[in-house]
Amino acid sequence: MTFRSSALMSIRGWVFTCMAAALSPDLQAQCGAMRESLGGVSLSIEVSRSTYRPGDSINLRLTLRNTSERPIPFLVVPAPALADLCVSDAAGQRVEPELAEAGALALSAGLLKPGAELTLRSAKGEEWVNLRDWGYELRTSGTYIIQGMSLVGDAGLASEPTPSQSNRASINIEG
């Protein structure tokens, strides 16, 4: 499963890289240690229903879980900035997003405690987030698989995402 190239993932990695390059060798080591200390975060994907018609709004509930033994900082931003999604068809072929993603502005920060969960929100603060927020518009009948990865913690700093960080949610488009 191939994930899209996330701007947030790139920016976060770039910030750590640039920050470390501008610092003294001692501070560079501390910056590297801080990056390595961030723990893992898993992502759970739930769909509002299993069957939709072409063009329907597909609503998801996304929950992050801190699977590490350390608190993990995160920015309070809409769901697409905290989780990357990938949609594939029944044959395993990636479905490309058709729409542009919305930007995100962080208004505050939070701390996800070990074992704690966080339900991601839409830009309007809603618990159910539309798949269109990631640019996906499913108009062709068939079965689709949605997988994701957290962009918080180690995953958000990794250069190569791994699809094992979430469950696989399956939906059918009929019509």
Protein backbone atom coordinates (compact mmCIF):
# COMPACT_ATOMS: atom_id res chain seq x y z
CA MET A 1 0.00 0.00 0.00
CA THR A 2 1.47 3.34 -1.01
CA PHE A 3 0.52 6.46 0.85
CA ARG A 4 0.43 9.93 -0.59
CA SER A 5 3.37 12.19 0.06
CA SER A 6 2.17 14.14 3.05
CA ALA A 7 3.11 17.80 3.24
CA LEU A 8 2.94 17.68 7.03
CA MET A 9 5.28 14.68 7.20
CA SER A 10 7.73 16.45 4.92
CA ILE A 11 7.50 19.70 6.82
CA ARG A 12 8.00 18.03 10.21
CA GLY A 13 11.04 16.12 8.98
CA TRP A 14 12.41 19.28 7.35
CA VAL A 15 11.93 21.28 10.55
CA PHE A 16 13.88 18.72 12.57
CA THR A 17 16.60 18.56 9.91
CA CYS A 18 16.94 22.34 9.61
CA MET A 19 16.75 22.84 13.34
CA ALA A 20 19.54 20.30 13.91
CA ALA A 21 21.72 21.78 11.15
CA ALA A 22 21.54 25.26 12.69
CA LEU A 23 22.48 24.09 16.18
CA SER A 24 25.79 23.36 17.87
CA PRO A 25 26.94 19.69 17.88
CA ASP A 26 25.67 19.23 21.46
CA LEU A 27 22.26 20.65 20.61
CA GLN A 28 22.17 18.62 17.38
CA ALA A 29 22.56 15.46 19.47
CA GLN A 30 19.75 16.55 21.79
CA CYS A 31 17.52 17.31 18.81
CA GLY A 32 18.21 13.83 17.40
CA ALA A 33 17.47 12.28 20.79
CA MET A 34 14.18 14.18 20.99
CA ARG A 35 13.21 12.90 17.54
CA GLU A 36 14.11 9.33 18.49
CA SER A 37 12.21 9.55 21.80
CA LEU A 38 8.82 10.07 20.18
CA GLY A 39 6.77 6.92 20.56
CA GLY A 40 4.42 5.05 18.29
CA VAL A 41 0.84 5.97 17.55
CA SER A 42 -1.67 3.62 15.96
CA LEU A 43 -4.67 4.71 13.90
CA SER A 44 -8.12 3.13 13.98
CA ILE A 45 -10.48 3.75 11.06
CA GLU A 46 -14.24 3.28 11.38
CA VAL A 47 -16.76 3.90 8.58
CA SER A 48 -20.25 5.24 9.29
CA ARG A 49 -21.79 2.49 7.16
CA SER A 50 -20.58 -0.27 4.84
CA THR A 51 -22.49 0.60 1.65
CA TYR A 52 -22.70 3.91 -0.21
CA ARG A 53 -23.93 5.14 -3.58
CA PRO A 54 -21.51 6.72 -6.08
CA GLY A 55 -20.67 10.26 -5.01
CA ASP A 56 -22.04 9.85 -1.45
CA SER A 57 -20.18 11.47 1.41
CA ILE A 58 -18.13 8.73 3.06
CA ASN A 59 -17.75 9.53 6.72
CA LEU A 60 -14.95 8.13 8.86
CA ARG A 61 -14.16 8.19 12.54
CA LEU A 62 -10.40 8.20 13.07
CA THR A 63 -8.87 7.47 16.45
CA LEU A 64 -5.21 7.79 17.38
CA ARG A 65 -3.86 5.65 20.23
CA ASN A 66 -0.52 6.24 21.93
CA THR A 67 1.09 2.79 21.98
CA SER A 68 4.31 4.04 23.57
CA GLU A 69 5.31 4.57 27.16
CA ARG A 70 5.84 8.32 26.68
CA PRO A 71 3.51 11.26 26.21
CA ILE A 72 3.44 12.37 22.57
CA PRO A 73 2.89 16.00 21.55
CA PHE A 74 0.52 16.83 18.71
CA LEU A 75 -0.95 19.91 17.08
CA VAL A 76 -4.70 20.52 17.32
CA VAL A 77 -5.54 20.60 13.61
CA PRO A 78 -8.15 18.93 11.37
CA ALA A 79 -7.83 15.18 10.80
CA PRO A 80 -6.06 15.27 7.38
CA ALA A 81 -3.04 16.93 9.01
CA LEU A 82 -2.77 14.19 11.66
CA ALA A 83 -3.48 11.07 9.59
CA ASP A 84 -2.65 9.98 6.07
CA LEU A 85 -5.18 7.80 4.22
CA CYS A 86 -4.79 5.54 1.23
CA VAL A 87 -7.73 4.07 -0.71
CA SER A 88 -7.41 1.02 -2.95
CA ASP A 89 -9.89 -0.97 -5.00
CA ALA A 90 -10.68 -4.67 -4.62
CA ALA A 91 -7.76 -5.54 -6.94
CA GLY A 92 -5.35 -3.67 -4.66
CA GLN A 93 -4.87 -0.78 -7.09
CA ARG A 94 -4.42 2.61 -5.46
CA VAL A 95 -7.21 5.12 -6.05
CA GLU A 96 -5.74 8.56 -6.64
CA PRO A 97 -7.29 11.54 -4.85
CA GLU A 98 -9.23 13.76 -7.27
CA LEU A 99 -9.74 16.80 -5.08
CA ALA A 100 -7.31 19.18 -3.43
CA GLU A 101 -6.81 18.73 0.29
CA ALA A 102 -7.73 21.57 2.60
CA GLY A 103 -4.93 23.31 4.46
CA ALA A 104 -4.69 23.26 8.23
CA LEU A 105 -3.76 25.88 10.77
CA ALA A 106 -2.73 24.75 14.25
CA LEU A 107 -4.46 26.74 16.94
CA SER A 108 -3.02 24.88 19.91
CA ALA A 109 -1.03 21.84 20.93
CA GLY A 110 -1.87 18.79 23.00
CA LEU A 111 -0.18 15.86 24.69
CA LEU A 112 -1.34 12.30 24.05
CA LYS A 113 -0.57 10.32 27.21
CA PRO A 114 0.59 6.67 27.07
CA GLY A 115 -2.37 4.40 26.31
CA ALA A 116 -4.66 7.38 25.68
CA GLU A 117 -6.84 7.78 22.60
CA LEU A 118 -7.75 10.86 20.58
CA THR A 119 -10.64 11.00 18.12
CA LEU A 120 -9.62 13.25 15.23
CA ARG A 121 -11.99 16.03 14.19
CA SER A 122 -12.99 17.72 10.97
CA ALA A 123 -12.20 21.38 10.31
CA LYS A 124 -15.71 22.10 11.67
CA GLY A 125 -14.95 20.16 14.87
CA GLU A 126 -17.11 17.18 13.91
CA GLU A 127 -16.29 13.63 15.03
CA TRP A 128 -17.11 12.08 11.65
CA VAL A 129 -14.67 13.24 8.96
CA ASN A 130 -15.45 13.15 5.23
CA LEU A 131 -13.13 11.09 3.00
CA ARG A 132 -13.24 14.05 0.58
CA ASP A 133 -11.08 15.94 3.10
CA TRP A 134 -8.20 13.75 1.83
CA GLY A 135 -9.19 14.41 -1.79
CA TYR A 136 -11.03 11.13 -2.46
CA GLU A 137 -14.28 11.09 -4.45
CA LEU A 138 -15.47 7.50 -5.05
CA ARG A 139 -17.87 7.46 -8.00
CA THR A 140 -17.29 3.98 -9.43
CA SER A 141 -19.13 0.93 -8.09
CA GLY A 142 -16.99 -1.61 -6.31
CA THR A 143 -15.34 -2.55 -3.05
CA TYR A 144 -12.72 -0.21 -1.59
CA ILE A 145 -10.23 -0.58 1.25
CA ILE A 146 -9.19 2.42 3.35
CA GLN A 147 -5.95 2.24 5.31
CA GLY A 148 -4.04 4.93 7.09
CA MET A 149 -1.16 5.97 9.21
CA SER A 150 -0.76 8.47 11.98
CA LEU A 151 1.32 11.55 11.27
CA VAL A 152 1.87 11.97 15.01
CA GLY A 153 4.83 10.44 16.87
CA ASP A 154 7.41 8.31 15.06
CA ALA A 155 5.16 7.81 12.04
CA GLY A 156 4.88 11.54 11.48
CA LEU A 157 8.66 11.80 11.32
CA ALA A 158 9.34 8.65 9.32
CA SER A 159 10.51 8.98 5.74
CA GLU A 160 8.73 5.76 4.71
CA PRO A 161 5.18 5.18 6.00
CA THR A 162 4.04 1.69 6.93
CA PRO A 163 0.42 0.64 6.32
CA SER A 164 0.45 -1.66 9.37
CA GLN A 165 -0.29 1.37 11.56
CA SER A 166 -4.05 1.09 11.01
CA ASN A 167 -6.81 -1.40 10.48
CA ARG A 168 -8.34 -1.90 7.04
CA ALA A 169 -11.83 -0.42 6.64
CA SER A 170 -13.85 -1.82 3.75
CA ILE A 171 -16.72 -0.08 1.95
CA ASN A 172 -18.90 -0.91 -1.03
CA ILE A 173 -20.06 1.57 -3.65
CA GLU A 174 -23.27 0.32 -5.28
CA GLY A 175 -25.36 2.03 -7.86
